[in-house]
Amino acid sequence: MIDILLHIMGWLAMGCILLAFYLLCNEKVTAKSKSYQVLNIVGSSCFVVTLSITKAWPAVALNAIYAAIAANALIKIYRSNDKTGQE
């Protein structure tokens, strides 16, 4: 059962990151959009979990850093929106 959940999480991770990239490349979102950063955070975080189980440490590190960068960008987006009075 755990293996199935890990495979699902891995596919979800891949889907989120590819969807974010697709949306960005097709100008449906920008790098400063909340949805783009959330998709990257969810995808890379799911990869961190699944790759930790398999002990693929370089890939874990890559995705943890990727999630941290996206989280930092999302925080900046929210702070910028607070200053300008946007939602």
Protein backbone atom coordinates (compact mmCIF):
# COMPACT_ATOMS: atom_id res chain seq x y z
CA MET A 1 0.00 0.00 0.00
CA ILE A 2 2.84 2.40 0.86
CA ASP A 3 4.48 1.71 -2.51
CA ILE A 4 1.28 2.67 -4.31
CA LEU A 5 1.03 5.91 -2.34
CA LEU A 6 4.66 6.75 -3.10
CA HIS A 7 4.11 6.13 -6.81
CA ILE A 8 1.01 8.33 -6.76
CA MET A 9 2.94 11.05 -4.94
CA GLY A 10 5.75 10.79 -7.49
CA TRP A 11 3.33 11.16 -10.39
CA LEU A 12 1.64 14.08 -8.63
CA ALA A 13 5.03 15.74 -8.15
CA MET A 14 5.93 15.30 -11.79
CA GLY A 15 2.53 16.56 -12.90
CA CYS A 16 2.72 19.70 -10.78
CA ILE A 17 6.18 20.67 -11.96
CA LEU A 18 5.42 19.95 -15.62
CA LEU A 19 2.12 21.81 -15.42
CA ALA A 20 3.87 24.83 -13.90
CA PHE A 21 6.49 24.75 -16.66
CA TYR A 22 3.84 24.33 -19.38
CA LEU A 23 1.79 27.24 -18.03
CA LEU A 24 4.87 29.45 -17.83
CA CYS A 25 6.06 28.59 -21.34
CA ASN A 26 2.61 29.23 -22.78
CA GLU A 27 2.31 32.55 -20.93
CA LYS A 28 -0.70 31.44 -18.88
CA VAL A 29 1.16 32.39 -15.69
CA THR A 30 4.26 34.39 -14.83
CA ALA A 31 7.08 33.53 -12.50
CA LYS A 32 5.52 36.02 -10.09
CA SER A 33 2.14 34.28 -9.98
CA LYS A 34 0.99 32.49 -6.85
CA SER A 35 -0.28 29.45 -8.75
CA TYR A 36 3.07 28.93 -10.48
CA GLN A 37 4.98 28.99 -7.22
CA VAL A 38 2.45 26.79 -5.40
CA LEU A 39 2.67 24.16 -8.14
CA ASN A 40 6.47 24.20 -7.81
CA ILE A 41 6.34 23.94 -4.01
CA VAL A 42 3.85 21.06 -4.05
CA GLY A 43 5.70 19.20 -6.79
CA SER A 44 9.17 19.54 -5.35
CA SER A 45 7.98 18.78 -1.81
CA CYS A 46 6.32 15.58 -2.99
CA PHE A 47 9.56 14.63 -4.72
CA VAL A 48 11.48 15.26 -1.48
CA VAL A 49 9.24 12.76 0.31
CA THR A 50 9.36 10.06 -2.36
CA LEU A 51 13.06 10.44 -3.06
CA SER A 52 13.92 10.36 0.64
CA ILE A 53 12.38 6.91 0.86
CA THR A 54 14.63 5.68 -1.93
CA LYS A 55 17.61 7.57 -0.45
CA ALA A 56 18.32 9.47 -3.65
CA TRP A 57 20.02 12.24 -1.67
CA PRO A 58 21.27 14.45 -4.53
CA ALA A 59 17.73 14.59 -5.95
CA VAL A 60 16.33 15.21 -2.45
CA ALA A 61 18.71 18.14 -2.04
CA LEU A 62 17.84 19.54 -5.47
CA ASN A 63 14.10 19.41 -4.79
CA ALA A 64 14.40 20.75 -1.24
CA ILE A 65 16.32 23.77 -2.56
CA TYR A 66 13.82 24.15 -5.41
CA ALA A 67 10.95 24.16 -2.89
CA ALA A 68 12.77 26.69 -0.70
CA ILE A 69 13.35 29.02 -3.65
CA ALA A 70 9.70 28.77 -4.70
CA ALA A 71 8.54 29.35 -1.10
CA ASN A 72 10.76 32.43 -0.87
CA ALA A 73 9.31 33.73 -4.15
CA LEU A 74 5.76 33.10 -2.88
CA ILE A 75 6.49 35.03 0.32
CA LYS A 76 7.80 37.94 -1.75
CA ILE A 77 4.66 37.85 -3.91
CA TYR A 78 2.42 38.01 -0.84
CA ARG A 79 4.46 40.82 0.72
CA SER A 80 4.39 42.78 -2.52
CA ASN A 81 0.62 42.34 -2.77
CA ASP A 82 0.17 43.49 0.85
CA LYS A 83 2.07 46.70 0.08
CA THR A 84 0.00 47.45 -3.01
CA GLY A 85 -3.33 46.42 -1.47
CA GLN A 86 -3.95 43.61 -3.93
CA GLU A 87 -5.36 40.18 -3.10
